[in-house]
N, C-alpha and C. Protein backbone atom coordinates (compact mmCIF):
# COMPACT_ATOMS: atom_id res chain seq x y z
N UNK A 1 -38.77 47.21 -1.14
CA UNK A 1 -39.98 47.03 -1.44
C UNK A 1 -40.25 48.53 -0.71
N UNK A 2 -41.48 48.99 -1.23
CA UNK A 2 -41.97 50.78 -1.41
C UNK A 2 -42.44 50.57 0.32
N UNK A 3 -43.49 48.76 0.41
CA UNK A 3 -44.49 49.15 1.66
C UNK A 3 -42.96 48.68 2.65
N UNK A 4 -41.96 48.01 2.46
CA UNK A 4 -40.95 47.87 3.82
C UNK A 4 -40.28 49.09 3.95
N UNK A 5 -40.03 50.03 2.99
CA UNK A 5 -39.72 51.21 2.82
C UNK A 5 -40.50 52.34 3.88
N UNK A 6 -41.79 52.29 4.08
CA UNK A 6 -42.89 52.69 4.25
C UNK A 6 -43.08 52.26 5.65
N UNK A 7 -43.07 51.31 5.92
CA UNK A 7 -42.96 50.39 7.36
C UNK A 7 -41.33 50.95 8.26
N UNK A 8 -40.77 50.93 7.63
CA UNK A 8 -39.15 50.94 8.37
C UNK A 8 -39.02 52.97 8.71
N UNK A 9 -39.88 53.49 7.75
CA UNK A 9 -39.64 54.63 8.33
C UNK A 9 -40.96 55.62 9.27
N UNK A 10 -42.01 54.70 9.58
CA UNK A 10 -43.09 54.79 10.16
C UNK A 10 -42.21 54.16 11.63
N UNK A 11 -41.86 53.40 11.85
CA UNK A 11 -41.44 52.82 13.06
C UNK A 11 -39.78 53.67 13.40
N UNK A 12 -39.27 54.27 12.64
CA UNK A 12 -38.14 55.48 12.91
C UNK A 12 -39.01 56.58 13.40
N UNK A 13 -40.12 56.99 12.64
CA UNK A 13 -40.89 58.53 13.50
C UNK A 13 -41.44 57.68 14.89
N UNK A 14 -42.13 56.13 14.85
CA UNK A 14 -42.47 56.04 16.36
C UNK A 14 -41.42 56.34 16.84
N UNK A 15 -40.05 55.89 16.95
CA UNK A 15 -39.08 55.34 17.90
C UNK A 15 -38.88 57.11 17.97
N UNK A 16 -38.91 58.01 17.36
CA UNK A 16 -38.46 59.44 17.50
C UNK A 16 -39.79 60.05 18.48
N UNK A 17 -40.50 59.79 17.93
CA UNK A 17 -41.76 60.42 18.97
C UNK A 17 -41.92 59.96 20.17
N UNK A 18 -41.47 58.59 20.52
CA UNK A 18 -41.44 57.81 21.97
C UNK A 18 -40.25 58.66 23.08
N UNK A 19 -38.99 58.77 21.67
CA UNK A 19 -38.04 59.55 22.84
C UNK A 19 -38.41 61.16 23.10
N UNK A 20 -39.24 62.01 22.62
CA UNK A 20 -39.82 63.01 22.74
C UNK A 20 -40.71 63.05 23.84
N UNK A 21 -41.45 62.42 23.63
CA UNK A 21 -42.35 61.89 24.53
C UNK A 21 -42.17 61.63 26.13
N UNK A 22 -40.83 60.97 26.31
CA UNK A 22 -40.20 60.47 27.58
C UNK A 22 -39.84 62.09 27.82
N UNK A 23 -39.34 62.84 27.40
CA UNK A 23 -38.82 63.68 27.95
C UNK A 23 -39.78 64.98 28.51
N UNK A 24 -40.73 64.87 27.88
CA UNK A 24 -41.53 65.97 28.17
C UNK A 24 -42.39 65.27 29.36
N UNK A 25 -42.39 63.96 29.13
CA UNK A 25 -43.15 63.34 30.76
C UNK A 25 -42.24 63.40 31.94
N UNK A 26 -40.78 63.25 31.58
CA UNK A 26 -39.60 63.51 33.11
C UNK A 26 -40.05 64.89 33.21
N UNK A 27 -39.83 65.82 32.41
CA UNK A 27 -39.91 67.26 32.59
C UNK A 27 -41.61 67.52 33.59
N UNK A 28 -42.41 66.85 33.49
CA UNK A 28 -44.07 67.24 33.65
C UNK A 28 -43.76 66.59 35.27
N UNK A 29 -42.82 65.57 35.46
CA UNK A 29 -42.64 65.32 36.78
C UNK A 29 -41.73 66.02 38.00
N UNK A 30 -41.15 67.17 37.18
CA UNK A 30 -40.24 68.04 38.18
C UNK A 30 -41.55 68.70 38.95
N UNK A 31 -40.74 69.05 40.45
CA UNK A 31 -42.03 69.70 41.17
C UNK A 31 -41.25 71.14 40.93
N UNK A 32 -42.79 72.11 41.15
CA UNK A 32 -42.36 73.44 41.23
C UNK A 32 -41.65 74.12 41.99
N UNK A 33 -41.16 74.78 41.74
CA UNK A 33 -39.91 75.81 42.18
C UNK A 33 -40.73 76.98 42.69
N UNK A 34 -40.11 77.66 43.76
CA UNK A 34 -40.21 78.91 44.36
C UNK A 34 -40.17 79.79 43.27
N UNK A 35 -39.60 80.12 41.98
CA UNK A 35 -40.03 80.87 41.28
C UNK A 35 -41.44 80.86 40.14
N UNK A 36 -41.58 79.58 40.29
CA UNK A 36 -42.78 78.95 39.73
C UNK A 36 -44.47 79.38 40.51
N UNK A 37 -43.97 79.38 41.79
CA UNK A 37 -45.00 79.70 42.70
C UNK A 37 -45.11 81.62 42.99
N UNK A 38 -44.03 81.78 43.22
CA UNK A 38 -44.18 83.69 42.71
C UNK A 38 -44.72 84.23 41.74
N UNK A 39 -44.59 83.58 40.60
CA UNK A 39 -44.88 83.78 39.44
C UNK A 39 -46.13 83.47 39.09
N UNK A 40 -47.05 82.56 39.61
CA UNK A 40 -48.28 82.08 39.81
C UNK A 40 -49.30 82.85 40.85
N UNK A 41 -48.42 83.57 42.07
CA UNK A 41 -49.28 84.30 42.87
C UNK A 41 -49.02 85.93 41.69
N UNK A 42 -48.44 86.14 41.64
CA UNK A 42 -48.26 87.51 40.76
C UNK A 42 -49.27 87.59 39.65
N UNK A 43 -49.74 86.25 39.05
CA UNK A 43 -50.67 86.22 38.30
C UNK A 43 -52.00 85.92 38.60
N UNK A 44 -52.56 85.85 39.94
CA UNK A 44 -53.82 85.98 40.11
C UNK A 44 -54.71 86.75 39.82
N UNK A 45 -55.81 86.69 39.96
CA UNK A 45 -56.53 87.72 39.45
C UNK A 45 -57.09 87.80 40.81
N UNK A 46 -56.86 89.23 41.22
CA UNK A 46 -57.37 89.70 42.75
C UNK A 46 -59.09 90.44 42.44
N UNK A 47 -59.79 90.71 43.74
CA UNK A 47 -60.90 91.38 43.48
C UNK A 47 -61.92 89.88 43.16
N UNK A 48 -61.36 88.81 43.41
CA UNK A 48 -62.19 87.41 43.18
C UNK A 48 -62.82 87.28 44.26
N UNK A 49 -64.23 86.53 44.24
CA UNK A 49 -64.75 85.72 45.54
C UNK A 49 -63.71 84.55 45.85
N UNK A 50 -63.86 84.57 46.93
CA UNK A 50 -63.12 83.06 47.62
C UNK A 50 -63.64 81.59 47.29
N UNK A 51 -62.88 80.61 47.85
CA UNK A 51 -63.78 79.27 47.72
C UNK A 51 -64.40 79.01 49.01
N UNK A 52 -64.85 77.64 49.36
CA UNK A 52 -65.44 77.78 50.51
C UNK A 52 -64.15 77.84 51.34
N UNK A 53 -63.17 78.03 51.42
CA UNK A 53 -62.51 77.82 52.32
C UNK A 53 -62.21 79.39 52.89
N UNK A 54 -62.85 80.09 52.11
CA UNK A 54 -62.45 81.69 52.54
C UNK A 54 -61.35 82.36 52.15
N UNK A 55 -60.58 81.78 51.76
CA UNK A 55 -59.05 82.22 51.16
C UNK A 55 -59.06 82.77 50.12
N UNK A 56 -58.60 84.28 49.99
CA UNK A 56 -59.07 85.17 48.80
C UNK A 56 -57.64 85.16 48.19
N UNK A 57 -57.86 85.54 46.53
CA UNK A 57 -56.15 85.87 45.91
C UNK A 57 -55.39 87.00 46.77
N UNK A 58 -56.25 87.76 47.32
CA UNK A 58 -55.03 89.01 47.95
C UNK A 58 -54.46 88.21 49.10
N UNK A 59 -55.06 87.44 49.94
CA UNK A 59 -54.26 86.95 51.04
C UNK A 59 -53.52 85.85 50.17
N UNK A 60 -53.75 85.10 49.57
CA UNK A 60 -52.07 84.49 49.06
C UNK A 60 -50.97 85.21 48.17
N UNK A 61 -51.73 86.52 47.67
CA UNK A 61 -50.19 87.13 47.01
C UNK A 61 -49.67 87.79 48.74
N UNK A 62 -50.49 87.63 49.35
CA UNK A 62 -49.47 88.58 50.51
C UNK A 62 -49.29 87.74 51.83
N UNK A 63 -49.08 86.32 51.42
CA UNK A 63 -48.27 85.26 52.20
C UNK A 63 -46.57 85.25 52.57
N UNK A 64 -46.70 85.37 53.69
CA UNK A 64 -45.07 85.72 54.29
C UNK A 64 -43.96 84.93 53.61
N UNK A 65 -42.80 84.81 53.72
CA UNK A 65 -41.75 83.73 53.59
C UNK A 65 -42.30 82.07 53.85
N UNK A 66 -42.28 82.42 55.08
CA UNK A 66 -42.93 80.75 55.68
C UNK A 66 -43.69 80.21 54.67
N UNK A 67 -44.95 80.82 54.92
CA UNK A 67 -46.31 80.52 54.37
C UNK A 67 -46.44 79.91 52.96
N UNK A 68 -45.43 80.84 52.38
CA UNK A 68 -45.35 80.88 50.92
C UNK A 68 -44.49 78.88 50.73
N UNK A 69 -43.36 78.92 51.44
CA UNK A 69 -42.63 77.74 51.94
C UNK A 69 -43.60 76.46 52.04
N UNK A 70 -44.33 76.84 52.82
CA UNK A 70 -45.63 75.64 53.17
C UNK A 70 -46.53 75.47 52.33
N UNK A 71 -47.18 76.55 51.27
CA UNK A 71 -47.81 76.40 50.58
C UNK A 71 -46.94 75.21 49.39
N UNK A 72 -45.76 75.73 48.91
CA UNK A 72 -45.01 75.15 48.23
C UNK A 72 -44.87 73.41 48.40
N UNK A 73 -44.32 73.18 49.30
CA UNK A 73 -44.13 71.96 50.29
C UNK A 73 -45.70 71.03 50.00
N UNK A 74 -46.68 71.73 50.12
CA UNK A 74 -48.10 70.71 50.27
C UNK A 74 -48.36 71.11 48.31
N UNK A 75 -48.02 71.92 47.63
CA UNK A 75 -48.20 71.11 46.24
C UNK A 75 -47.40 70.80 45.81
N UNK A 76 -46.48 70.53 46.11
CA UNK A 76 -45.29 69.89 45.58
C UNK A 76 -45.65 67.83 46.14
N UNK A 77 -46.35 68.33 47.17
CA UNK A 77 -46.27 66.68 47.70
C UNK A 77 -47.74 65.93 46.97
N UNK A 78 -48.70 67.05 46.62
CA UNK A 78 -50.00 66.53 46.10
C UNK A 78 -49.42 66.51 44.67
N UNK A 79 -48.59 67.24 43.40
CA UNK A 79 -48.09 66.83 42.50
C UNK A 79 -46.93 65.68 42.40
N UNK A 80 -46.54 65.24 43.38
CA UNK A 80 -45.57 63.67 43.05
C UNK A 80 -46.73 62.91 43.56
N UNK A 81 -47.56 62.99 44.37
CA UNK A 81 -48.41 61.79 44.82
C UNK A 81 -49.31 61.65 43.73
N UNK A 82 -49.95 62.50 43.27
CA UNK A 82 -51.09 63.04 42.13
C UNK A 82 -52.55 62.82 43.21
N UNK A 83 -52.39 62.64 44.78
CA UNK A 83 -53.59 63.05 45.65
C UNK A 83 -53.78 64.35 45.76
N UNK A 84 -55.00 65.01 45.42
CA UNK A 84 -55.64 65.98 45.47
C UNK A 84 -56.34 66.22 46.72
N UNK A 85 -56.26 66.91 47.55
CA UNK A 85 -57.23 67.21 48.66
C UNK A 85 -58.62 67.07 48.67
N UNK A 86 -59.44 66.35 49.25
CA UNK A 86 -60.67 66.15 48.98
C UNK A 86 -61.64 68.13 48.76
N UNK A 87 -60.92 68.73 49.93
CA UNK A 87 -61.38 69.84 49.60
C UNK A 87 -60.74 70.77 48.74
N UNK A 88 -59.99 70.60 47.88
CA UNK A 88 -59.85 70.84 46.84
C UNK A 88 -60.28 70.74 45.58
N UNK A 89 -61.17 69.68 45.70
CA UNK A 89 -62.23 69.78 44.55
C UNK A 89 -63.41 69.96 44.90
N UNK A 90 -64.18 70.70 45.79
CA UNK A 90 -65.00 71.53 46.11
C UNK A 90 -65.48 72.47 45.77
N UNK A 91 -66.90 72.55 45.02
CA UNK A 91 -67.38 73.87 44.86
C UNK A 91 -68.39 74.57 45.31
N UNK A 92 -68.66 75.50 44.99
CA UNK A 92 -69.85 76.19 45.51
C UNK A 92 -70.66 76.67 43.97
N UNK A 93 -71.51 75.89 44.00
CA UNK A 93 -72.44 76.42 42.89
C UNK A 93 -73.53 77.51 43.08
N UNK A 94 -73.47 78.51 42.08
CA UNK A 94 -74.26 79.69 42.12
C UNK A 94 -75.35 79.74 41.43
N UNK A 95 -76.38 79.71 41.35
CA UNK A 95 -77.40 80.34 40.35
C UNK A 95 -77.61 81.49 39.82
N UNK A 96 -77.12 81.69 39.29
CA UNK A 96 -77.26 83.15 38.12
C UNK A 96 -78.48 83.54 37.00
N UNK A 97 -79.35 84.67 37.64
CA UNK A 97 -80.71 84.65 36.39
C UNK A 97 -79.82 85.16 35.05
N UNK A 98 -79.98 84.32 33.92
CA UNK A 98 -79.56 85.12 32.72
C UNK A 98 -80.35 86.36 32.72
N UNK A 99 -79.53 87.62 31.92
CA UNK A 99 -80.02 88.88 31.69
C UNK A 99 -80.95 88.85 30.83
N UNK A 100 -82.29 89.69 31.16
CA UNK A 100 -83.34 89.19 30.09
C UNK A 100 -84.88 88.43 30.41
N UNK A 101 -84.37 87.63 31.64
CA UNK A 101 -85.12 86.77 31.81
C UNK A 101 -85.64 87.17 33.07
N UNK A 102 -86.46 87.93 33.13
CA UNK A 102 -87.11 88.28 34.88
C UNK A 102 -88.17 87.73 35.12
N UNK A 103 -89.04 87.03 34.34
CA UNK A 103 -90.37 86.51 35.13
C UNK A 103 -89.77 84.93 35.88
N UNK A 104 -91.01 84.79 36.68
CA UNK A 104 -90.84 83.76 37.62
C UNK A 104 -90.85 82.81 37.35
N UNK A 105 -91.65 82.74 35.89
CA UNK A 105 -91.85 81.16 35.56
C UNK A 105 -90.98 80.64 34.60
N UNK A 106 -89.87 81.43 34.06
CA UNK A 106 -88.78 81.62 33.27
C UNK A 106 -87.51 81.30 34.41
N UNK A 107 -88.16 81.86 35.40
CA UNK A 107 -86.74 81.67 36.65
C UNK A 107 -85.44 80.40 36.27
N UNK A 108 -86.34 79.48 36.43
CA UNK A 108 -85.61 77.94 36.81
C UNK A 108 -85.00 77.31 35.34
N UNK A 109 -85.52 77.83 34.54
CA UNK A 109 -84.89 77.22 33.02
C UNK A 109 -84.25 78.18 32.08
N UNK A 110 -83.85 79.64 33.07
CA UNK A 110 -83.10 80.33 32.48
C UNK A 110 -81.46 80.82 33.30
N UNK A 111 -81.26 79.68 34.65
CA UNK A 111 -80.31 79.68 35.27
C UNK A 111 -78.93 78.79 34.57
N UNK A 112 -77.65 80.05 35.10
CA UNK A 112 -76.89 79.57 34.42
C UNK A 112 -75.84 79.03 35.65
N UNK A 113 -75.18 77.50 35.61
CA UNK A 113 -74.42 77.08 36.56
C UNK A 113 -73.49 77.75 36.77
N UNK A 114 -72.77 78.02 38.23
CA UNK A 114 -71.30 78.88 38.02
C UNK A 114 -70.69 78.12 38.97
N UNK A 115 -69.17 77.52 39.07
CA UNK A 115 -68.77 76.78 39.89
C UNK A 115 -67.80 77.41 40.25
N UNK A 116 -67.87 77.67 41.38
CA UNK A 116 -66.48 79.00 41.89
C UNK A 116 -65.78 78.09 43.09
N UNK A 117 -64.43 77.84 42.51
CA UNK A 117 -63.18 77.06 43.32
C UNK A 117 -62.58 77.95 44.01
C-alpha cells in the first residue's frame, strides 16, 4: 500500500540521517590540533580590550611554543571533559551611552549593555 511505502521510505531516510549525525558527532569530539590553534590565533582581532584576566589578543598571538602547547592542552582538556573554568564565563558589563542621548534624565534608560569577555 502507499502508506506502507511512505512509512518504509521515512524509516530509510531516518536511518540515513542517523548515520550522518553520528559521523558529525564523532568529528566534533576530536581534540583541537596545533594547526587549528595557530589558525585561531592568526584570526584574532587585535587592539581589543582584554577580559577580566587582563590577557590581550596581542599577548595570545605572541605566545611561545611551550605556552601554545600549554594553552592547547588546557583547551583540549576542557573540550574533552565539557568542563569550562568558571573564570572563562565571567564578563565585565560596561554601560555605554547611546549616541544622541546626552540628557541626565535619559541616561539610565538609554544605556546599552556590552559584555566584554
